[in-house]
Protein backbone atom coordinates (compact mmCIF):
# COMPACT_ATOMS: atom_id res chain seq x y z
CA UNK A 1 77.16 -45.65 -84.89
CA UNK A 2 74.05 -46.46 -85.06
CA UNK A 3 71.54 -44.43 -82.80
CA UNK A 4 68.85 -46.26 -80.38
CA UNK A 5 65.33 -44.88 -80.33
CA UNK A 6 63.17 -44.26 -77.44
CA UNK A 7 60.49 -43.81 -78.98
CA UNK A 8 58.51 -46.68 -78.41
CA UNK A 9 59.98 -47.20 -74.47
CA UNK A 10 57.06 -46.66 -71.47
CA UNK A 11 57.50 -43.60 -69.41
CA UNK A 12 56.83 -46.41 -65.96
CA UNK A 13 59.52 -48.16 -66.95
CA UNK A 14 61.90 -45.62 -66.39
CA UNK A 15 64.24 -47.05 -63.62
CA UNK A 16 63.71 -43.87 -61.61
CA UNK A 17 60.08 -44.38 -61.77
CA UNK A 18 60.64 -47.47 -60.56
CA UNK A 19 58.69 -48.33 -56.98
CA UNK A 20 60.42 -50.50 -54.70
CA UNK A 21 58.18 -50.50 -52.09
CA UNK A 22 55.68 -53.74 -50.84
CA UNK A 23 52.05 -53.25 -52.60
CA UNK A 24 50.60 -54.28 -48.99
CA UNK A 25 51.44 -49.91 -47.98
CA UNK A 26 49.65 -48.75 -51.08
CA UNK A 27 46.42 -51.17 -50.03
CA UNK A 28 46.68 -49.11 -46.31
CA UNK A 29 47.30 -46.06 -47.86
CA UNK A 30 43.62 -46.71 -50.42
CA UNK A 31 41.80 -47.87 -47.40
CA UNK A 32 42.58 -45.20 -44.92
CA UNK A 33 41.45 -42.37 -47.47
CA UNK A 34 38.02 -45.16 -47.64
CA UNK A 35 37.36 -44.69 -44.10
CA UNK A 36 37.93 -40.77 -43.65
CA UNK A 37 35.32 -40.39 -46.89
CA UNK A 38 33.09 -42.94 -45.00
CA UNK A 39 33.61 -40.84 -41.54
CA UNK A 40 32.92 -37.60 -43.73
CA UNK A 41 30.02 -38.70 -45.00
CA UNK A 42 28.71 -40.03 -41.71
CA UNK A 43 29.47 -36.90 -39.75
CA UNK A 44 27.53 -35.21 -42.80
CA UNK A 45 24.57 -37.87 -42.39
CA UNK A 46 24.80 -36.34 -38.65
CA UNK A 47 24.92 -32.91 -39.31
CA UNK A 48 22.20 -32.78 -41.64
CA UNK A 49 19.76 -35.72 -40.59
CA UNK A 50 20.42 -36.06 -36.42
CA UNK A 51 21.25 -33.07 -35.69
CA UNK A 52 19.21 -30.56 -37.67
CA UNK A 53 17.07 -29.18 -35.36
CA UNK A 54 19.10 -28.61 -32.54
CA UNK A 55 21.78 -27.13 -35.27
CA UNK A 56 18.92 -24.92 -36.18
CA UNK A 57 18.36 -23.97 -32.76
CA UNK A 58 21.95 -22.93 -31.64
CA UNK A 59 22.08 -20.83 -35.25
CA UNK A 60 19.05 -18.97 -34.48
CA UNK A 61 20.22 -18.03 -30.75
CA UNK A 62 22.89 -16.43 -32.37
CA UNK A 63 20.74 -14.63 -35.12
CA UNK A 64 17.17 -14.58 -33.35
CA UNK A 65 15.66 -13.19 -30.64
CA UNK A 66 12.18 -12.84 -28.71
CA UNK A 67 11.57 -9.82 -27.74
CA UNK A 68 9.15 -8.72 -24.67
CA UNK A 69 6.85 -6.05 -25.39
CA UNK A 70 6.04 -4.55 -22.16
CA UNK A 71 2.34 -4.24 -21.02
CA UNK A 72 1.53 -0.69 -20.25
CA UNK A 73 0.04 -1.22 -16.66
CA UNK A 74 -3.19 0.34 -15.47
CA UNK A 75 -3.81 3.87 -14.54
CA UNK A 76 -5.01 4.98 -10.94
CA UNK A 77 -7.60 7.42 -10.69
CA UNK A 78 -9.56 9.43 -7.37
CA UNK A 79 -13.45 9.18 -7.58
CA UNK A 80 -13.39 12.26 -9.76
CA UNK A 81 -10.76 11.27 -12.37
CA UNK A 82 -7.98 12.67 -11.25
CA UNK A 83 -5.08 10.64 -11.99
CA UNK A 84 -3.26 9.30 -9.37
CA UNK A 85 -0.54 6.91 -11.13
CA UNK A 86 0.50 6.32 -14.11
CA UNK A 87 3.17 4.64 -16.60
CA UNK A 88 5.77 6.49 -18.84
CA UNK A 89 7.88 5.38 -21.66
CA UNK A 90 11.02 4.46 -20.59
CA UNK A 91 14.20 2.65 -21.45
CA UNK A 92 16.32 -0.44 -19.88
CA UNK A 93 20.35 0.20 -20.32
CA UNK A 94 21.74 -3.07 -20.70
CA UNK A 95 25.28 -4.55 -21.97
CA UNK A 96 27.28 -7.17 -23.75
CA UNK A 97 30.05 -6.58 -21.91
CA UNK A 98 32.94 -8.66 -24.18
CA UNK A 99 31.55 -6.37 -26.91
CA UNK A 100 31.53 -3.53 -25.64
CA UNK A 101 34.89 -1.11 -27.01
CA UNK A 102 34.31 2.19 -25.33
CA UNK A 103 37.06 4.96 -24.66
CA UNK A 104 37.43 6.38 -21.00
CA UNK A 105 36.09 9.43 -22.56
CA UNK A 106 32.49 7.65 -23.43
CA UNK A 107 32.85 5.50 -20.02
CA UNK A 108 32.96 8.70 -18.19
CA UNK A 109 30.41 10.14 -20.18
CA UNK A 110 27.93 7.04 -19.75
CA UNK A 111 28.76 7.02 -16.49
CA UNK A 112 27.39 10.71 -15.51
CA UNK A 113 24.33 10.11 -17.72
CA UNK A 114 23.32 6.48 -15.78
CA UNK A 115 23.98 8.85 -12.59
CA UNK A 116 26.64 6.26 -11.17
CA UNK A 117 30.33 5.95 -10.66
CA UNK A 118 32.77 5.20 -13.25
CA UNK A 119 34.38 2.80 -11.19
CA UNK A 120 31.00 0.77 -10.15
CA UNK A 121 30.19 0.82 -14.32
CA UNK A 122 33.80 -0.42 -14.93
CA UNK A 123 32.95 -3.35 -12.10
CA UNK A 124 29.65 -4.40 -14.09
CA UNK A 125 31.34 -4.06 -17.04
CA UNK A 126 34.33 -6.28 -15.85
CA UNK A 127 33.30 -8.73 -13.60
CA UNK A 128 29.66 -10.00 -14.50
CA UNK A 129 27.69 -12.24 -17.20
CA UNK A 130 29.44 -11.45 -20.00
CA UNK A 131 27.06 -11.97 -21.91
CA UNK A 132 24.14 -9.95 -20.48
CA UNK A 133 24.16 -6.72 -18.00
CA UNK A 134 21.64 -4.13 -17.03
CA UNK A 135 23.51 -0.53 -16.53
CA UNK A 136 20.29 0.96 -15.34
CA UNK A 137 16.45 0.55 -15.46
CA UNK A 138 13.94 2.73 -16.12
CA UNK A 139 15.87 5.76 -17.68
CA UNK A 140 13.94 8.78 -18.64
CA UNK A 141 13.40 8.60 -22.31
CA UNK A 142 15.71 12.01 -23.00
CA UNK A 143 18.78 10.47 -21.35
CA UNK A 144 18.20 7.54 -22.85
CA UNK A 145 18.82 9.07 -26.43
CA UNK A 146 21.76 10.85 -24.82
CA UNK A 147 23.35 7.53 -24.23
CA UNK A 148 22.48 6.23 -27.65
CA UNK A 149 23.96 9.54 -28.89
CA UNK A 150 27.14 8.16 -27.87
CA UNK A 151 27.24 4.89 -30.25
CA UNK A 152 28.89 2.72 -27.95
CA UNK A 153 29.92 -0.64 -28.90
CA UNK A 154 28.09 -3.34 -26.78
CA UNK A 155 25.47 -0.36 -25.38
CA UNK A 156 21.86 -1.25 -26.08
CA UNK A 157 18.71 -0.37 -25.07
CA UNK A 158 15.30 -1.53 -24.07
CA UNK A 159 11.78 -0.31 -24.16
CA UNK A 160 9.87 -0.55 -20.40
CA UNK A 161 7.67 1.91 -18.29
CA UNK A 162 8.28 3.76 -15.43
CA UNK A 163 5.64 4.63 -12.79
CA UNK A 164 4.73 7.96 -11.80
CA UNK A 165 2.94 9.20 -8.79
CA UNK A 166 1.63 12.67 -9.72
CA UNK A 167 0.35 13.51 -6.22
CA UNK A 168 3.49 12.07 -4.25
CA UNK A 169 3.13 12.03 -0.56
CA UNK A 170 -0.06 12.69 -0.77
CA UNK A 171 -1.92 9.80 -1.66
CA UNK A 172 1.52 7.18 -1.12
CA UNK A 173 0.21 5.07 1.37
CA UNK A 174 -3.35 4.53 -0.24
CA UNK A 175 -1.43 4.02 -3.55
CA UNK A 176 1.29 2.35 -2.78
CA UNK A 177 4.03 1.80 -5.15
CA UNK A 178 5.99 -0.78 -7.81
CA UNK A 179 9.29 -1.99 -7.72
CA UNK A 180 11.50 -1.80 -11.06
CA UNK A 181 10.06 -4.83 -12.43
CA UNK A 182 6.66 -3.09 -12.45
CA UNK A 183 5.42 -5.40 -10.12
CA UNK A 184 3.28 -3.45 -6.78
CA UNK A 185 4.69 -2.87 -3.42
CA UNK A 186 2.48 -1.14 -1.53
CA UNK A 187 -1.16 -0.43 -1.15
CA UNK A 188 -3.58 -0.83 -4.18
CA UNK A 189 -0.42 -1.28 -6.54
CA UNK A 190 0.04 -4.87 -4.55
CA UNK A 191 -3.51 -5.25 -3.36
CA UNK A 192 -4.61 -4.74 -7.15
CA UNK A 193 -1.49 -5.62 -8.79
CA UNK A 194 -3.02 -8.65 -10.86
CA UNK A 195 -5.47 -6.50 -13.06
CA UNK A 196 -3.24 -3.36 -13.10
CA UNK A 197 -0.16 -5.54 -14.45
CA UNK A 198 -1.92 -6.44 -17.74
CA UNK A 199 -0.17 -9.64 -19.60
CA UNK A 200 3.41 -8.63 -21.39
CA UNK A 201 3.45 -9.66 -25.14
CA UNK A 202 6.50 -10.98 -27.31
CA UNK A 203 8.16 -10.70 -30.90
CA UNK A 204 11.19 -13.05 -32.95
CA UNK A 205 13.37 -10.42 -35.00
CA UNK A 206 16.47 -11.00 -36.64
CA UNK A 207 19.87 -9.21 -35.70
CA UNK A 208 23.32 -8.71 -36.71
CA UNK A 209 26.65 -10.04 -35.30
CA UNK A 210 26.43 -6.58 -32.95
CA UNK A 211 23.03 -7.46 -31.66
CA UNK A 212 21.21 -4.77 -33.81
CA UNK A 213 17.39 -5.69 -34.91
CA UNK A 214 18.04 -5.27 -39.10
CA UNK A 215 14.28 -7.46 -39.55
CA UNK A 216 11.16 -8.24 -37.99
CA UNK A 217 10.09 -11.66 -38.06
CA UNK A 218 6.69 -11.09 -36.55
CA UNK A 219 4.54 -10.87 -33.15
CA UNK A 220 4.31 -13.95 -31.45
CA UNK A 221 1.99 -12.84 -28.65
CA UNK A 222 0.80 -8.97 -28.55
CA UNK A 223 0.54 -7.18 -25.15
CA UNK A 224 -2.88 -6.74 -23.10
CA UNK A 225 -2.47 -3.53 -21.28
CA UNK A 226 -4.06 -3.33 -17.41
CA UNK A 227 -7.26 -2.48 -16.55
CA UNK A 228 -7.29 0.91 -14.85
CA UNK A 229 -8.74 1.54 -11.60
CA UNK A 230 -11.14 4.35 -9.92
CA UNK A 231 -10.75 4.48 -5.56
CA UNK A 232 -13.22 5.95 -3.41
CA UNK A 233 -10.85 8.62 -2.87
CA UNK A 234 -11.52 12.03 -3.17
CA UNK A 235 -8.25 14.12 -3.75
CA UNK A 236 -10.14 17.55 -2.65
CA UNK A 237 -10.90 15.81 0.68
CA UNK A 238 -7.59 13.60 0.74
CA UNK A 239 -5.14 16.52 0.70
CA UNK A 240 -7.17 18.37 2.79
CA UNK A 241 -6.79 15.49 5.30
CA UNK A 242 -3.47 15.20 4.71
CA UNK A 243 -2.39 18.58 5.15
CA UNK A 244 -4.38 19.24 8.59
CA UNK A 245 -3.07 15.84 10.07
CA UNK A 246 0.53 17.07 9.08
CA UNK A 247 0.26 20.04 10.79
CA UNK A 248 -1.40 18.80 13.75
CA UNK A 249 1.59 16.45 14.10
CA UNK A 250 4.34 18.58 13.87
CA UNK A 251 2.42 21.07 15.90
CA UNK A 252 1.73 18.97 18.91
CA UNK A 253 5.18 17.53 18.64
CA UNK A 254 4.14 14.08 18.17
CA UNK A 255 5.50 10.72 16.93
CA UNK A 256 3.24 9.78 14.27
CA UNK A 257 -0.64 10.26 13.16
CA UNK A 258 -3.98 8.79 11.05
CA UNK A 259 -6.92 10.17 10.00
CA UNK A 260 -9.81 8.80 7.80
CA UNK A 261 -12.88 10.44 6.07
CA UNK A 262 -15.76 7.77 5.32
CA UNK A 263 -18.59 8.66 3.40
CA UNK A 264 -21.77 7.82 6.04
CA UNK A 265 -24.12 6.95 2.97
CA UNK A 266 -22.16 4.76 1.53
CA UNK A 267 -19.47 3.72 3.00
CA UNK A 268 -16.65 4.42 0.29
CA UNK A 269 -13.26 5.77 2.06
CA UNK A 270 -12.75 9.36 0.81
CA UNK A 271 -9.79 10.27 2.83
CA UNK A 272 -7.18 7.96 4.48
CA UNK A 273 -3.73 9.81 5.50
CA UNK A 274 -0.67 8.73 7.95
CA UNK A 275 1.80 10.91 8.93
CA UNK A 276 5.22 10.64 8.41
CA UNK A 277 4.80 9.80 4.66
CA UNK A 278 7.10 9.37 1.76
CA UNK A 279 7.52 9.86 -1.62
CA UNK A 280 6.97 6.95 -3.96
CA UNK A 281 8.74 8.94 -7.05
CA UNK A 282 11.77 9.25 -4.96
CA UNK A 283 12.00 5.83 -2.63
CA UNK A 284 16.33 6.47 -2.02
CA UNK A 285 15.92 6.58 2.02
CA UNK A 286 12.88 4.80 3.04
CA UNK A 287 12.23 3.67 6.65
CA UNK A 288 9.44 1.56 8.10
CA UNK A 289 8.33 4.36 9.73
CA UNK A 290 7.48 6.13 6.94
CA UNK A 291 6.13 3.06 4.80
CA UNK A 292 3.91 2.56 8.10
CA UNK A 293 0.09 2.62 6.72
CA UNK A 294 -1.00 3.49 10.22
CA UNK A 295 -4.80 4.18 10.14
CA UNK A 296 -5.17 0.51 8.26
CA UNK A 297 -1.85 -1.72 9.98
CA UNK A 298 -1.87 0.03 13.39
CA UNK A 299 -3.81 -1.27 16.20
CA UNK A 300 -4.17 0.89 20.14
CA UNK A 301 -6.68 0.53 22.89
CA UNK A 302 -9.23 3.30 21.85
CA UNK A 303 -9.95 4.81 25.12
CA UNK A 304 -13.16 6.64 25.26
CA UNK A 305 -14.28 6.29 21.93
CA UNK A 306 -15.63 2.60 22.97
CA UNK A 307 -17.93 4.23 25.62
CA UNK A 308 -20.89 5.29 22.76
CA UNK A 309 -20.82 1.22 22.33
CA UNK A 310 -21.03 0.08 26.23
CA UNK A 311 -23.95 2.54 26.04
CA UNK A 312 -26.26 1.49 22.75
CA UNK A 313 -25.88 -1.96 24.67
CA UNK A 314 -27.40 -1.13 27.80
CA UNK A 315 -30.10 0.30 25.77
CA UNK A 316 -30.29 -1.96 23.84
CA UNK A 317 -31.09 -4.43 26.51
CA UNK A 318 -33.90 -2.02 28.41
CA UNK A 319 -30.91 -2.18 31.25
CA UNK A 320 -30.93 1.95 31.34
CA UNK A 321 -32.71 4.87 29.33
CA UNK A 322 -30.96 8.05 28.47
CA UNK A 323 -32.06 9.67 31.90
CA UNK A 324 -31.12 6.86 34.07
CA UNK A 325 -29.26 8.56 37.21
CA UNK A 326 -25.64 6.52 37.01
CA UNK A 327 -24.14 7.69 41.00
CA UNK A 328 -20.31 8.72 40.11
CA UNK A 329 -19.56 10.22 43.56
CA UNK A 330 -16.92 10.10 44.82
CA UNK A 331 -15.58 9.67 41.28
CA UNK A 332 -13.64 6.20 42.15
CA UNK A 333 -14.90 2.68 41.79
CA UNK A 334 -13.01 -0.27 43.48
CA UNK A 335 -13.44 -4.03 41.53
CA UNK A 336 -11.63 -6.44 43.43
CA UNK A 337 -7.64 -5.16 44.41
CA UNK A 338 -8.12 -2.56 41.19
CA UNK A 339 -9.73 0.95 41.43
CA UNK A 340 -10.73 2.80 38.55
CA UNK A 341 -11.43 6.50 38.55
CA UNK A 342 -12.46 9.79 36.39
CA UNK A 343 -10.48 13.04 36.03
CA UNK A 344 -13.20 14.71 37.87
CA UNK A 345 -15.88 13.31 40.21
CA UNK A 346 -19.12 14.29 39.09
CA UNK A 347 -21.46 12.81 41.75
CA UNK A 348 -24.96 11.70 40.19
CA UNK A 349 -25.54 11.59 36.36
CA UNK A 350 -27.82 10.69 34.05
CA UNK A 351 -26.86 8.48 31.06
CA UNK A 352 -26.75 11.51 28.69
CA UNK A 353 -23.98 13.06 31.07
CA UNK A 354 -21.96 9.70 31.06
CA UNK A 355 -20.93 10.30 27.75
CA UNK A 356 -21.01 13.86 27.71
CA UNK A 357 -18.64 13.87 30.81
CA UNK A 358 -16.61 10.56 29.69
CA UNK A 359 -17.21 8.98 32.75
CA UNK A 360 -15.24 6.00 33.39
CA UNK A 361 -17.17 5.19 37.13
CA UNK A 362 -20.16 5.46 35.34
CA UNK A 363 -19.51 3.79 32.03
CA UNK A 364 -17.83 0.73 34.23
CA UNK A 365 -21.28 0.75 36.58
CA UNK A 366 -23.39 0.28 33.60
CA UNK A 367 -20.91 -2.27 32.01
CA UNK A 368 -21.02 -4.50 34.97
CA UNK A 369 -24.93 -5.07 35.10
CA UNK A 370 -24.29 -6.73 31.61
CA UNK A 371 -23.49 -10.30 30.59
CA UNK A 372 -19.85 -10.49 29.18
CA UNK A 373 -21.45 -12.20 26.36
CA UNK A 374 -23.27 -9.46 25.34
CA UNK A 375 -20.84 -7.32 25.19
CA UNK A 376 -18.07 -9.60 23.23
CA UNK A 377 -21.60 -9.86 20.66
CA UNK A 378 -21.54 -7.09 20.31
CA UNK A 379 -17.95 -5.81 19.72
CA UNK A 380 -18.15 -9.40 17.42
CA UNK A 381 -20.54 -7.66 15.15
CA UNK A 382 -19.24 -4.25 15.26
CA UNK A 383 -16.07 -5.64 13.26
CA UNK A 384 -13.76 -5.88 15.95
CA UNK A 385 -11.33 -8.88 16.60
CA UNK A 386 -11.94 -8.92 12.81
CA UNK A 387 -9.95 -7.39 9.50
CA UNK A 388 -11.63 -5.09 7.78
CA UNK A 389 -12.29 -6.90 4.21
CA UNK A 390 -11.57 -4.11 2.12
CA UNK A 391 -9.16 -5.90 0.08
CA UNK A 392 -6.26 -3.87 0.88
CA UNK A 393 -2.88 -5.18 2.36
CA UNK A 394 -1.89 -4.82 5.75
CA UNK A 395 -5.31 -4.59 7.38
CA UNK A 396 -5.42 -6.05 10.62
CA UNK A 397 -7.63 -7.35 13.34
CA UNK A 398 -7.26 -6.40 16.74
CA UNK A 399 -7.91 -8.19 19.63
CA UNK A 400 -10.77 -8.63 21.89
CA UNK A 401 -10.02 -11.28 24.08
CA UNK A 402 -13.21 -14.18 24.62
CA UNK A 403 -15.79 -13.18 27.15
CA UNK A 404 -15.07 -16.55 28.88
CA UNK A 405 -12.07 -15.30 30.39
CA UNK A 406 -12.78 -11.72 31.68
CA UNK A 407 -12.63 -10.91 34.79
CA UNK A 408 -14.72 -7.84 36.36
CA UNK A 409 -12.18 -5.45 35.61
CA UNK A 410 -11.37 -6.49 32.52
CA UNK A 411 -15.13 -6.23 31.83
CA UNK A 412 -15.10 -2.79 33.33
CA UNK A 413 -11.69 -1.29 31.63
CA UNK A 414 -12.99 -2.82 28.27
CA UNK A 415 -16.17 -0.92 28.80
CA UNK A 416 -14.19 2.35 28.45
CA UNK A 417 -11.37 0.98 25.67
CA UNK A 418 -8.98 -0.42 27.83
CA UNK A 419 -7.82 -4.00 27.11
CA UNK A 420 -8.54 -4.64 23.57
CA UNK A 421 -7.01 -3.01 20.61
CA UNK A 422 -8.44 -1.97 17.23
CA UNK A 423 -7.28 0.18 14.08
CA UNK A 424 -8.57 3.30 13.06
CA UNK A 425 -10.90 1.72 9.93
CA UNK A 426 -11.73 -0.68 12.20
CA UNK A 427 -13.22 2.33 14.59
CA UNK A 428 -14.27 4.89 12.00
CA UNK A 429 -16.58 2.23 10.48
CA UNK A 430 -17.83 1.30 13.70
CA UNK A 431 -19.57 4.37 14.19
CA UNK A 432 -21.24 4.26 11.09
CA UNK A 433 -23.97 2.57 13.08
CA UNK A 434 -24.71 5.44 14.69
CA UNK A 435 -24.75 8.00 11.64
CA UNK A 436 -27.08 5.23 9.87
CA UNK A 437 -29.51 4.35 12.36
CA UNK A 438 -27.98 1.11 13.33
CA UNK A 439 -27.01 -0.07 10.11
CA UNK A 440 -22.90 -0.74 10.30
CA UNK A 441 -22.10 -0.43 6.65
CA UNK A 442 -19.17 -2.38 4.59
CA UNK A 443 -16.01 -0.26 3.73
CA UNK A 444 -14.82 0.10 -0.10
CA UNK A 445 -11.81 1.88 -1.08
CA UNK A 446 -12.94 1.50 -5.06
CA UNK A 447 -15.68 3.82 -5.92
CA UNK A 448 -19.11 2.12 -5.68
CA UNK A 449 -22.16 2.79 -7.95
CA UNK A 450 -24.66 1.39 -5.95
CA UNK A 451 -25.70 1.46 -2.28
CA UNK A 452 -24.43 -1.33 -0.06
CA UNK A 453 -26.57 -3.47 2.10
CA UNK A 454 -25.65 -2.70 5.22
CA UNK A 455 -25.94 -4.86 8.76
CA UNK A 456 -28.57 -3.86 11.01
CA UNK A 457 -26.24 -3.75 14.50
CA UNK A 458 -29.15 -1.96 16.66
CA UNK A 459 -32.46 -0.37 16.72
CA UNK A 460 -32.94 2.84 15.15
CA UNK A 461 -34.07 4.26 18.32
CA UNK A 462 -30.74 3.39 20.26
CA UNK A 463 -28.72 4.66 16.96
CA UNK A 464 -30.27 8.42 17.26
CA UNK A 465 -30.54 8.03 21.28
CA UNK A 466 -26.50 7.70 20.92
CA UNK A 467 -26.22 10.14 18.27
CA UNK A 468 -27.68 13.25 20.57
CA UNK A 469 -25.38 11.79 23.12
CA UNK A 470 -22.76 12.24 20.69
CA UNK A 471 -23.36 15.53 19.90
CA UNK A 472 -23.55 16.84 23.78
CA UNK A 473 -20.32 15.26 24.14
CA UNK A 474 -18.76 17.77 21.16
CA UNK A 475 -20.95 20.69 22.32
CA UNK A 476 -21.13 23.08 25.49
CA UNK A 477 -19.97 20.81 28.56
CA UNK A 478 -18.62 18.43 26.47
CA UNK A 479 -14.83 16.73 26.71
CA UNK A 480 -14.80 17.83 22.67
CA UNK A 481 -15.94 21.80 22.28
CA UNK A 482 -13.05 22.37 19.75
CA UNK A 483 -14.86 19.74 17.19
CA UNK A 484 -17.63 22.31 16.30
CA UNK A 485 -17.99 23.51 13.01
CA UNK A 486 -19.73 26.98 12.45
CA UNK A 487 -22.60 26.00 10.54
CA UNK A 488 -22.92 22.83 11.26
CA UNK A 489 -24.21 20.45 13.54
CA UNK A 490 -21.28 17.62 14.96
CA UNK A 491 -21.12 14.55 17.18
CA UNK A 492 -18.59 12.58 17.68
CA UNK A 493 -16.29 11.36 20.83
CA UNK A 494 -12.90 11.92 22.49
CA UNK A 495 -10.07 8.97 23.57
CA UNK A 496 -7.14 9.87 25.33
CA UNK A 497 -5.31 6.62 26.04
CA UNK A 498 -2.23 5.44 28.08
CA UNK A 499 -0.01 3.43 25.97
CA UNK A 500 2.03 1.00 27.07
CA UNK A 501 5.13 0.04 27.37
CA UNK A 502 6.64 -3.29 28.62
CA UNK A 503 3.90 -4.44 29.57
CA UNK A 504 2.71 -1.63 31.81
CA UNK A 505 1.14 1.85 31.42
CA UNK A 506 3.53 4.64 31.10
CA UNK A 507 3.10 8.25 30.56
CA UNK A 508 2.33 8.56 27.02
CA UNK A 509 -0.70 8.92 25.29
CA UNK A 510 -2.77 8.26 22.43
CA UNK A 511 -5.02 11.06 21.41
CA UNK A 512 -8.24 10.40 19.41
CA UNK A 513 -11.48 11.70 18.25
CA UNK A 514 -14.41 9.77 16.00
CA UNK A 515 -17.34 11.55 14.87
CA UNK A 516 -19.35 12.82 11.70
CA UNK A 517 -21.77 15.90 10.86
CA UNK A 518 -23.90 17.12 10.03
CA UNK A 519 -26.49 16.02 12.74
CA UNK A 520 -29.41 16.21 11.08
CA UNK A 521 -28.24 14.53 7.89
CA UNK A 522 -24.79 12.53 8.43
CA UNK A 523 -23.10 12.80 4.99
CA UNK A 524 -18.69 12.40 6.66
CA UNK A 525 -17.33 10.43 9.51
CA UNK A 526 -13.90 11.49 10.50
CA UNK A 527 -11.82 9.41 12.77
CA UNK A 528 -8.25 11.30 13.77
CA UNK A 529 -4.99 9.86 15.64
CA UNK A 530 -1.94 11.53 17.17
CA UNK A 531 0.61 9.25 18.37
CA UNK A 532 2.40 10.79 21.61
CA UNK A 533 1.79 14.38 21.73
CA UNK A 534 4.26 16.10 23.63
CA UNK A 535 3.83 19.63 23.28
CA UNK A 536 1.96 19.70 26.73
CA UNK A 537 -1.33 18.90 25.54
CA UNK A 538 -2.32 15.13 25.23
CA UNK A 539 -6.40 15.43 25.56
CA UNK A 540 -8.29 13.89 22.66
CA UNK A 541 -10.60 16.91 22.78
CA UNK A 542 -7.73 19.14 22.59
CA UNK A 543 -5.41 17.05 20.37
CA UNK A 544 -7.45 15.28 17.71
CA UNK A 545 -10.69 17.61 18.49
CA UNK A 546 -9.47 20.49 16.19
CA UNK A 547 -8.32 18.47 13.18
CA UNK A 548 -11.43 16.53 13.32
CA UNK A 549 -13.05 20.12 12.74
CA UNK A 550 -10.75 21.52 10.33
CA UNK A 551 -11.74 18.03 8.18
CA UNK A 552 -14.99 17.93 8.80
CA UNK A 553 -15.36 21.58 8.11
CA UNK A 554 -13.40 21.69 4.63
CA UNK A 555 -15.06 18.45 3.44
CA UNK A 556 -18.75 19.05 3.70
CA UNK A 557 -17.65 22.70 1.85
CA UNK A 558 -16.06 20.39 -0.96
CA UNK A 559 -19.26 18.36 -0.89
CA UNK A 560 -21.72 21.44 -1.18
CA UNK A 561 -23.36 19.75 2.25
CA UNK A 562 -26.01 22.40 2.90
CA UNK A 563 -25.39 23.77 6.96
CA UNK A 564 -27.97 22.74 9.35
CA UNK A 565 -27.23 24.83 12.01
CA UNK A 566 -26.33 28.74 12.41
CA UNK A 567 -23.29 30.37 10.87
CA UNK A 568 -23.09 32.12 14.24
CA UNK A 569 -23.03 28.85 16.44
CA UNK A 570 -19.74 27.95 17.26
CA UNK A 571 -17.10 27.09 19.67
CA UNK A 572 -18.26 27.07 23.35
CA UNK A 573 -16.20 29.69 25.87
CA UNK A 574 -14.13 27.94 28.49
CA UNK A 575 -12.24 24.97 28.95
CA UNK A 576 -13.49 21.59 27.91
CA UNK A 577 -14.31 18.86 30.12
CA UNK A 578 -11.60 16.43 30.72
CA UNK A 579 -12.02 13.42 29.93
CA UNK A 580 -11.04 10.34 32.17
CA UNK A 581 -8.20 8.00 31.15
């Protein structure tokens, strides 16, 4: 039997390998493969050429981040360099909720450190934005270190600053405060926010998948710290005024009070105190009453503190002289259907005595002998009805109606402080004319280096005449003997005004006193207002004058002003003359 050789038989001719499918199917397969390669090539071109910029940005968003470099807010000083506001390093604790992996014990510890409830913490991590949420801002550095020590994945920190006010409630209404974003909200912090804030910077960093910075790419913009500011306030005088005002409001069971101390030479505000107040470092439960800067934002009818201006105008116009006698008997004056009166009938009084005894009748008779327009022009020159230009938020203009609408009774009542409204700061500034021989000074809340140019409102002779009358009012036989200070001659005027409620005057009062010392060379001007005293006394001479005396005496000694009167000269025996309401 002959053996068949398979050595020359092709492998493809094996019957088992023969393909019985039509040729077009293989062609279709090859076409599909070719199309796939074309699609892949097109996609590659699209991604690497046309979408390159977009994809790079998307990648950078996952590993690169621009971190803000906060600028340190400028410090606020008093006129002598005492720090009133500064910025302390702090941390913002934030989280990427989807990355947080903490045990119940860790969450409890974190909630305790951040001074928040554990339920509230879990809510933030569960319900807020899954990519970012602040857990707490302005965390103290020591607490932030304890938070970091917990080593909770997804919990991060960011450097920032926390504002601190060393003088607390004493300077609250002057300095104000900032919010959690370090933006000024009240006081100087608000008024000068652009200067204090500076400009934040930024830098680029590379992060790993857990959000940790692993490489610093470089600074994009350097931060520029805010500018420091020096106020005109003297911290010692501010504390003295604040302390005296607080005791007066509390002892008289009053609703509120305010005090202003002005440098009689430069117009700088040396103190501005309010009660009630608040602690700017702890603002958890603030009320509107605490926030109100009453010395600047509140207006009131000034009462008898306006009488010296009426008398000054009459002297300027030549209507009277200091010795001109005005008949005030029988202590009442009827104008149309209205009658005004004095607390006590005095009979004939010289113009000097009209101020000393605070006679409404005498002042009204003098006022009615002058044109209403002249009175209005004088009020305007003194700054009444115009907001003080001191660069401070909330300064109000008060109200003085146009003279063309004045009726005789209104002209009479405005002459002794009813029918118009002023702020305590406006009133204090107006008294600079009597302390500076008729020159009205501009006020400043910031330290000035040069003597400011004032406005001559009245003749120096007129101002000195009224200054003498004001010294009489604060002396024996005047309405405010309690304003006297051992060793110093003082001048000033009381004010006691009924308050309006529902359009009618009610038995609620606002007691005030404005004056200056020493009379021989005025150094400080002090204005005090006590709102609704309710302890039995309500006259300005009994409620506000003692506060004035305490503030002025302490201020002059702090400024080392030499005495201009015998040290034994103090207090006048007997009761003060009651001023007319």
